[in-house]
């Protein structure tokens, strides 16, 4: 069996705290459907983690993660830092430590940093929509660090209905982000087409390319 490993670091958004499957698992299935190999999704993510928490949790795990030889490593972290809030300087220090560890695991072209999703309508306490000002500052810092470390960033295109509570992805949201991540991988490999992996407002694939495969709607997964 041929396989590749997708390694994803994060918090409750990455682990899928409000959905059965998380976006790494949906991405892995989409990539398996689109390529000639299986994709092994591994998540190192814990509800409530800040960037600092995630960094410290990884110290004893780096050797094992390097042995996994991940084809792609993603990081989505920072939402819980809003609750402090964590000041920008210590956030950047913690995030830079994450990137040092990521570089110990794989090369820069294999590291993808998710921008922190903005909070949506109906967000529940302790979050406030006004915290999006901090989200934008954190995301600017993430992009600056990405440039310093020679890695890339990716934004997530989310609508209100993709979120359970304005923060956490529901099942359609996890599926939607997984599709976007898979589409990025396929684009890197020259496999994507303009119509591939586009999803409408309820997560249904639009005009998929049968030669490559596309994300199936959540309702079609049994």
C-alpha atoms as a PDB file:
ATOM      1  CA  UNK A   1       0.000   0.000   0.000  1.00  0.00           C
ATOM      2  CA  UNK A   2       1.271   3.450  -0.950  1.00  0.00           C
ATOM      3  CA  UNK A   3       0.433   6.269   1.415  1.00  0.00           C
ATOM      4  CA  UNK A   4       1.361   9.788   2.417  1.00  0.00           C
ATOM      5  CA  UNK A   5       1.004  11.370   5.829  1.00  0.00           C
ATOM      6  CA  UNK A   6      -0.882  14.577   6.606  1.00  0.00           C
ATOM      7  CA  UNK A   7       0.149  15.933  10.020  1.00  0.00           C
ATOM      8  CA  UNK A   8      -1.995  18.712  11.513  1.00  0.00           C
ATOM      9  CA  UNK A   9      -1.274  20.689  14.677  1.00  0.00           C
ATOM     10  CA  UNK A  10      -3.893  22.820  16.370  1.00  0.00           C
ATOM     11  CA  UNK A  11      -6.693  23.170  18.895  1.00  0.00           C
ATOM     12  CA  UNK A  12     -10.410  22.306  19.060  1.00  0.00           C
ATOM     13  CA  UNK A  13     -10.996  23.585  15.517  1.00  0.00           C
ATOM     14  CA  UNK A  14      -8.439  21.122  14.156  1.00  0.00           C
ATOM     15  CA  UNK A  15      -9.577  18.179  16.279  1.00  0.00           C
ATOM     16  CA  UNK A  16     -13.204  18.699  15.227  1.00  0.00           C
ATOM     17  CA  UNK A  17     -14.676  19.377  18.662  1.00  0.00           C
ATOM     18  CA  UNK A  18     -18.153  19.988  17.188  1.00  0.00           C
ATOM     19  CA  UNK A  19     -18.088  17.428  14.367  1.00  0.00           C
ATOM     20  CA  UNK A  20     -17.629  13.678  14.019  1.00  0.00           C
ATOM     21  CA  UNK A  21     -14.734  13.980  11.578  1.00  0.00           C
ATOM     22  CA  UNK A  22     -12.190  16.776  11.559  1.00  0.00           C
ATOM     23  CA  UNK A  23     -10.921  18.678   8.526  1.00  0.00           C
ATOM     24  CA  UNK A  24      -7.634  16.690   8.339  1.00  0.00           C
ATOM     25  CA  UNK A  25      -9.659  13.481   7.950  1.00  0.00           C
ATOM     26  CA  UNK A  26     -11.895  14.984   5.283  1.00  0.00           C
ATOM     27  CA  UNK A  27      -8.815  16.311   3.468  1.00  0.00           C
ATOM     28  CA  UNK A  28      -7.152  12.898   3.620  1.00  0.00           C
ATOM     29  CA  UNK A  29     -10.189  11.183   2.111  1.00  0.00           C
ATOM     30  CA  UNK A  30     -10.496  13.778  -0.624  1.00  0.00           C
ATOM     31  CA  UNK A  31      -6.815  13.366  -1.483  1.00  0.00           C
ATOM     32  CA  UNK A  32      -7.126   9.581  -1.459  1.00  0.00           C
ATOM     33  CA  UNK A  33     -10.011   9.887  -3.920  1.00  0.00           C
ATOM     34  CA  UNK A  34      -7.974  12.205  -6.128  1.00  0.00           C
ATOM     35  CA  UNK A  35      -4.609  10.414  -6.121  1.00  0.00           C
ATOM     36  CA  UNK A  36      -3.265   6.888  -6.421  1.00  0.00           C
ATOM     37  CA  UNK A  37      -2.411   6.485  -2.744  1.00  0.00           C
ATOM     38  CA  UNK A  38      -3.906   6.497   0.728  1.00  0.00           C
ATOM     39  CA  UNK A  39      -3.469   9.506   2.987  1.00  0.00           C
ATOM     40  CA  UNK A  40      -2.807   8.977   6.686  1.00  0.00           C
ATOM     41  CA  UNK A  41      -4.249  11.875   8.729  1.00  0.00           C
ATOM     42  CA  UNK A  42      -2.676  12.514  12.127  1.00  0.00           C
ATOM     43  CA  UNK A  43      -3.870  15.326  14.379  1.00  0.00           C
ATOM     44  CA  UNK A  44      -1.949  16.696  17.332  1.00  0.00           C
ATOM     45  CA  UNK A  45      -4.599  19.056  18.686  1.00  0.00           C
ATOM     46  CA  UNK A  46      -6.233  19.675  22.057  1.00  0.00           C
ATOM     47  CA  UNK A  47      -9.272  21.752  22.965  1.00  0.00           C
ATOM     48  CA  UNK A  48      -8.341  25.015  24.642  1.00  0.00           C
ATOM     49  CA  UNK A  49      -4.731  25.099  23.497  1.00  0.00           C
ATOM     50  CA  UNK A  50      -3.047  28.441  22.923  1.00  0.00           C
ATOM     51  CA  UNK A  51       0.012  28.802  20.711  1.00  0.00           C
ATOM     52  CA  UNK A  52       2.185  28.462  23.814  1.00  0.00           C
ATOM     53  CA  UNK A  53       0.350  25.332  24.995  1.00  0.00           C
ATOM     54  CA  UNK A  54       0.732  23.700  21.597  1.00  0.00           C
ATOM     55  CA  UNK A  55       4.421  24.527  21.439  1.00  0.00           C
ATOM     56  CA  UNK A  56       5.149  23.023  24.852  1.00  0.00           C
ATOM     57  CA  UNK A  57       3.123  19.892  24.136  1.00  0.00           C
ATOM     58  CA  UNK A  58       5.203  19.173  21.042  1.00  0.00           C
ATOM     59  CA  UNK A  59       8.642  19.117  22.686  1.00  0.00           C
ATOM     60  CA  UNK A  60       8.578  15.398  23.627  1.00  0.00           C
ATOM     61  CA  UNK A  61       6.873  14.396  20.360  1.00  0.00           C
ATOM     62  CA  UNK A  62       9.163  15.874  17.708  1.00  0.00           C
ATOM     63  CA  UNK A  63      11.307  12.764  17.237  1.00  0.00           C
ATOM     64  CA  UNK A  64       8.277  10.545  16.690  1.00  0.00           C
ATOM     65  CA  UNK A  65       6.691  13.046  14.324  1.00  0.00           C
ATOM     66  CA  UNK A  66       9.870  13.278  12.269  1.00  0.00           C
ATOM     67  CA  UNK A  67       9.851   9.490  11.953  1.00  0.00           C
ATOM     68  CA  UNK A  68       6.369   9.711  10.394  1.00  0.00           C
ATOM     69  CA  UNK A  69       7.911  11.568   7.427  1.00  0.00           C
ATOM     70  CA  UNK A  70       4.824  13.744   6.826  1.00  0.00           C
ATOM     71  CA  UNK A  71       4.235  14.900   3.283  1.00  0.00           C
ATOM     72  CA  UNK A  72       2.497  17.995   4.643  1.00  0.00           C
ATOM     73  CA  UNK A  73       2.373  19.626   8.074  1.00  0.00           C
ATOM     74  CA  UNK A  74      -0.287  22.223   8.825  1.00  0.00           C
ATOM     75  CA  UNK A  75      -0.724  24.528  11.806  1.00  0.00           C
ATOM     76  CA  UNK A  76      -3.955  26.248  12.846  1.00  0.00           C
ATOM     77  CA  UNK A  77      -3.626  27.924  16.226  1.00  0.00           C
ATOM     78  CA  UNK A  78      -4.438  31.216  17.915  1.00  0.00           C
ATOM     79  CA  UNK A  79      -8.193  31.264  18.533  1.00  0.00           C
ATOM     80  CA  UNK A  80      -7.784  30.512  22.241  1.00  0.00           C
ATOM     81  CA  UNK A  81      -5.172  33.251  22.537  1.00  0.00           C
ATOM     82  CA  UNK A  82      -8.014  35.705  21.925  1.00  0.00           C
ATOM     83  CA  UNK A  83      -9.520  34.897  25.332  1.00  0.00           C
ATOM     84  CA  UNK A  84      -6.503  36.138  27.316  1.00  0.00           C
ATOM     85  CA  UNK A  85      -5.877  38.039  25.290  1.00  0.00           C
ATOM     86  CA  UNK A  86      -2.297  37.068  24.576  1.00  0.00           C
ATOM     87  CA  UNK A  87      -0.230  40.126  23.727  1.00  0.00           C
ATOM     88  CA  UNK A  88       1.176  40.163  20.216  1.00  0.00           C
ATOM     89  CA  UNK A  89       4.852  39.856  21.152  1.00  0.00           C
ATOM     90  CA  UNK A  90       4.551  36.669  23.269  1.00  0.00           C
ATOM     91  CA  UNK A  91       2.174  35.222  20.648  1.00  0.00           C
ATOM     92  CA  UNK A  92       4.847  35.712  17.978  1.00  0.00           C
ATOM     93  CA  UNK A  93       7.508  34.146  20.214  1.00  0.00           C
ATOM     94  CA  UNK A  94       5.353  31.073  20.875  1.00  0.00           C
ATOM     95  CA  UNK A  95       4.452  30.767  17.194  1.00  0.00           C
ATOM     96  CA  UNK A  96       8.086  31.090  16.135  1.00  0.00           C
ATOM     97  CA  UNK A  97       8.932  28.215  18.477  1.00  0.00           C
ATOM     98  CA  UNK A  98       6.232  26.181  16.731  1.00  0.00           C
ATOM     99  CA  UNK A  99       7.839  26.937  13.396  1.00  0.00           C
ATOM    100  CA  UNK A 100      11.273  25.877  14.620  1.00  0.00           C
ATOM    101  CA  UNK A 101       9.759  22.552  15.645  1.00  0.00           C
ATOM    102  CA  UNK A 102       7.906  22.259  12.341  1.00  0.00           C
ATOM    103  CA  UNK A 103      11.177  22.762  10.464  1.00  0.00           C
ATOM    104  CA  UNK A 104      12.717  19.969  12.530  1.00  0.00           C
ATOM    105  CA  UNK A 105       9.998  17.659  11.168  1.00  0.00           C
ATOM    106  CA  UNK A 106       9.938  18.564   7.465  1.00  0.00           C
ATOM    107  CA  UNK A 107      11.060  21.040   4.829  1.00  0.00           C
ATOM    108  CA  UNK A 108       9.613  24.536   4.321  1.00  0.00           C
ATOM    109  CA  UNK A 109       7.646  23.628   1.189  1.00  0.00           C
ATOM    110  CA  UNK A 110       5.835  20.992   3.253  1.00  0.00           C
ATOM    111  CA  UNK A 111       4.605  23.399   5.936  1.00  0.00           C
ATOM    112  CA  UNK A 112       1.331  25.282   5.569  1.00  0.00           C
ATOM    113  CA  UNK A 113       0.071  27.784   8.130  1.00  0.00           C
ATOM    114  CA  UNK A 114      -3.654  28.385   8.384  1.00  0.00           C
ATOM    115  CA  UNK A 115      -4.721  31.941   9.054  1.00  0.00           C
ATOM    116  CA  UNK A 116      -6.923  32.109  12.149  1.00  0.00           C
ATOM    117  CA  UNK A 117     -10.587  32.114  11.060  1.00  0.00           C
ATOM    118  CA  UNK A 118     -12.523  35.236  11.947  1.00  0.00           C
ATOM    119  CA  UNK A 119     -15.358  34.896  14.443  1.00  0.00           C
ATOM    120  CA  UNK A 120     -18.789  34.797  12.824  1.00  0.00           C
ATOM    121  CA  UNK A 121     -22.322  35.985  13.538  1.00  0.00           C
ATOM    122  CA  UNK A 122     -23.821  34.432  16.666  1.00  0.00           C
ATOM    123  CA  UNK A 123     -20.471  33.791  18.310  1.00  0.00           C
ATOM    124  CA  UNK A 124     -20.859  32.624  21.897  1.00  0.00           C
ATOM    125  CA  UNK A 125     -19.133  33.863  25.057  1.00  0.00           C
ATOM    126  CA  UNK A 126     -16.309  34.185  26.015  1.00  0.00           C
ATOM    127  CA  UNK A 127     -15.719  35.245  22.411  1.00  0.00           C
ATOM    128  CA  UNK A 128     -16.878  38.573  20.962  1.00  0.00           C
ATOM    129  CA  UNK A 129     -17.091  39.639  17.331  1.00  0.00           C
ATOM    130  CA  UNK A 130     -14.947  42.654  18.288  1.00  0.00           C
ATOM    131  CA  UNK A 131     -12.073  40.200  18.861  1.00  0.00           C
ATOM    132  CA  UNK A 132     -11.707  39.996  15.088  1.00  0.00           C
ATOM    133  CA  UNK A 133      -9.458  43.043  15.357  1.00  0.00           C
ATOM    134  CA  UNK A 134      -7.027  40.823  17.292  1.00  0.00           C
ATOM    135  CA  UNK A 135      -7.531  37.983  14.804  1.00  0.00           C
ATOM    136  CA  UNK A 136      -6.322  40.270  12.033  1.00  0.00           C
ATOM    137  CA  UNK A 137      -3.273  41.336  14.077  1.00  0.00           C
ATOM    138  CA  UNK A 138      -2.391  37.714  14.839  1.00  0.00           C
ATOM    139  CA  UNK A 139      -2.787  36.805  11.167  1.00  0.00           C
ATOM    140  CA  UNK A 140      -0.471  39.616  10.137  1.00  0.00           C
ATOM    141  CA  UNK A 141       2.088  38.241  12.593  1.00  0.00           C
ATOM    142  CA  UNK A 142       1.630  34.722  11.195  1.00  0.00           C
ATOM    143  CA  UNK A 143       2.274  35.978   7.658  1.00  0.00           C
ATOM    144  CA  UNK A 144       5.393  37.832   8.804  1.00  0.00           C
ATOM    145  CA  UNK A 145       6.709  34.692  10.493  1.00  0.00           C
ATOM    146  CA  UNK A 146       5.873  32.640   7.406  1.00  0.00           C
ATOM    147  CA  UNK A 147       8.075  34.965   5.345  1.00  0.00           C
ATOM    148  CA  UNK A 148      10.899  34.680   7.875  1.00  0.00           C
ATOM    149  CA  UNK A 149      10.787  30.883   7.891  1.00  0.00           C
ATOM    150  CA  UNK A 150      10.139  30.512   4.174  1.00  0.00           C
ATOM    151  CA  UNK A 151       6.820  28.710   4.596  1.00  0.00           C
ATOM    152  CA  UNK A 152       3.357  29.425   3.210  1.00  0.00           C
ATOM    153  CA  UNK A 153      -0.009  30.498   4.599  1.00  0.00           C
ATOM    154  CA  UNK A 154      -3.557  29.642   3.588  1.00  0.00           C
ATOM    155  CA  UNK A 155      -6.797  31.407   4.436  1.00  0.00           C
ATOM    156  CA  UNK A 156     -10.080  29.622   5.027  1.00  0.00           C
ATOM    157  CA  UNK A 157     -13.262  30.668   3.266  1.00  0.00           C
ATOM    158  CA  UNK A 158     -16.047  30.161   5.799  1.00  0.00           C
ATOM    159  CA  UNK A 159     -19.689  31.202   6.014  1.00  0.00           C
ATOM    160  CA  UNK A 160     -21.809  31.487   9.155  1.00  0.00           C
ATOM    161  CA  UNK A 161     -23.494  28.137   8.498  1.00  0.00           C
ATOM    162  CA  UNK A 162     -20.151  26.298   8.593  1.00  0.00           C
ATOM    163  CA  UNK A 163     -19.809  27.050  12.312  1.00  0.00           C
ATOM    164  CA  UNK A 164     -21.596  25.496  15.285  1.00  0.00           C
ATOM    165  CA  UNK A 165     -21.239  28.522  17.551  1.00  0.00           C
ATOM    166  CA  UNK A 166     -19.449  31.185  15.544  1.00  0.00           C
ATOM    167  CA  UNK A 167     -16.095  29.589  16.422  1.00  0.00           C
ATOM    168  CA  UNK A 168     -16.053  25.803  15.987  1.00  0.00           C
ATOM    169  CA  UNK A 169     -16.595  24.001  12.713  1.00  0.00           C
ATOM    170  CA  UNK A 170     -19.708  21.856  12.434  1.00  0.00           C
ATOM    171  CA  UNK A 171     -19.716  18.789  10.178  1.00  0.00           C
ATOM    172  CA  UNK A 172     -20.207  20.812   6.996  1.00  0.00           C
ATOM    173  CA  UNK A 173     -17.515  23.244   8.144  1.00  0.00           C
ATOM    174  CA  UNK A 174     -14.954  20.513   8.800  1.00  0.00           C
ATOM    175  CA  UNK A 175     -15.777  19.033   5.397  1.00  0.00           C
ATOM    176  CA  UNK A 176     -15.493  22.462   3.758  1.00  0.00           C
ATOM    177  CA  UNK A 177     -12.071  23.247   5.242  1.00  0.00           C
ATOM    178  CA  UNK A 178     -10.881  19.736   4.402  1.00  0.00           C
ATOM    179  CA  UNK A 179     -11.873  20.332   0.781  1.00  0.00           C
ATOM    180  CA  UNK A 180      -9.962  23.620   0.706  1.00  0.00           C
ATOM    181  CA  UNK A 181      -6.858  21.973   2.136  1.00  0.00           C
ATOM    182  CA  UNK A 182      -7.075  19.094  -0.343  1.00  0.00           C
ATOM    183  CA  UNK A 183      -7.529  21.547  -3.213  1.00  0.00           C
ATOM    184  CA  UNK A 184      -4.336  23.346  -2.166  1.00  0.00           C
ATOM    185  CA  UNK A 185      -2.367  20.083  -2.177  1.00  0.00           C
ATOM    186  CA  UNK A 186      -3.705  19.170  -5.607  1.00  0.00           C
ATOM    187  CA  UNK A 187      -2.886  22.657  -6.880  1.00  0.00           C
ATOM    188  CA  UNK A 188       0.698  22.215  -5.659  1.00  0.00           C
ATOM    189  CA  UNK A 189       0.852  19.014  -7.701  1.00  0.00           C
ATOM    190  CA  UNK A 190      -0.576  20.547 -10.831  1.00  0.00           C
ATOM    191  CA  UNK A 191      -3.702  18.418 -10.561  1.00  0.00           C
ATOM    192  CA  UNK A 192      -6.368  21.002  -9.845  1.00  0.00           C
ATOM    193  CA  UNK A 193      -8.676  22.627 -12.359  1.00  0.00           C
ATOM    194  CA  UNK A 194     -10.653  25.815 -12.039  1.00  0.00           C
ATOM    195  CA  UNK A 195     -13.889  23.946 -11.372  1.00  0.00           C
ATOM    196  CA  UNK A 196     -12.435  21.304  -9.038  1.00  0.00           C
ATOM    197  CA  UNK A 197     -13.290  21.189  -5.364  1.00  0.00           C
ATOM    198  CA  UNK A 198     -15.523  24.231  -5.566  1.00  0.00           C
ATOM    199  CA  UNK A 199     -18.327  23.835  -3.071  1.00  0.00           C
ATOM    200  CA  UNK A 200     -21.579  25.680  -2.783  1.00  0.00           C
ATOM    201  CA  UNK A 201     -23.131  27.031   0.368  1.00  0.00           C
ATOM    202  CA  UNK A 202     -24.202  23.582   1.615  1.00  0.00           C
ATOM    203  CA  UNK A 203     -20.957  21.776   0.852  1.00  0.00           C
ATOM    204  CA  UNK A 204     -22.061  20.086  -2.381  1.00  0.00           C
ATOM    205  CA  UNK A 205     -19.364  19.634  -5.006  1.00  0.00           C
ATOM    206  CA  UNK A 206     -19.886  21.701  -8.142  1.00  0.00           C
ATOM    207  CA  UNK A 207     -18.771  20.455 -11.574  1.00  0.00           C
ATOM    208  CA  UNK A 208     -16.157  18.002 -10.281  1.00  0.00           C
ATOM    209  CA  UNK A 209     -13.397  16.743 -12.532  1.00  0.00           C
ATOM    210  CA  UNK A 210     -13.933  12.954 -12.789  1.00  0.00           C
ATOM    211  CA  UNK A 211     -10.284  12.382 -13.719  1.00  0.00           C
ATOM    212  CA  UNK A 212      -9.124  13.925 -10.482  1.00  0.00           C
ATOM    213  CA  UNK A 213     -11.994  13.497  -8.057  1.00  0.00           C
ATOM    214  CA  UNK A 214     -13.695  16.027  -5.871  1.00  0.00           C
ATOM    215  CA  UNK A 215     -14.994  16.435  -2.352  1.00  0.00           C
ATOM    216  CA  UNK A 216     -18.224  14.562  -1.853  1.00  0.00           C
ATOM    217  CA  UNK A 217     -21.039  16.340  -0.017  1.00  0.00           C
ATOM    218  CA  UNK A 218     -21.371  15.358   3.637  1.00  0.00           C
ATOM    219  CA  UNK A 219     -24.831  13.898   2.941  1.00  0.00           C
ATOM    220  CA  UNK A 220     -23.263  11.453   0.448  1.00  0.00           C
ATOM    221  CA  UNK A 221     -20.845   9.954   2.967  1.00  0.00           C
ATOM    222  CA  UNK A 222     -22.092   6.761   4.609  1.00  0.00           C
END
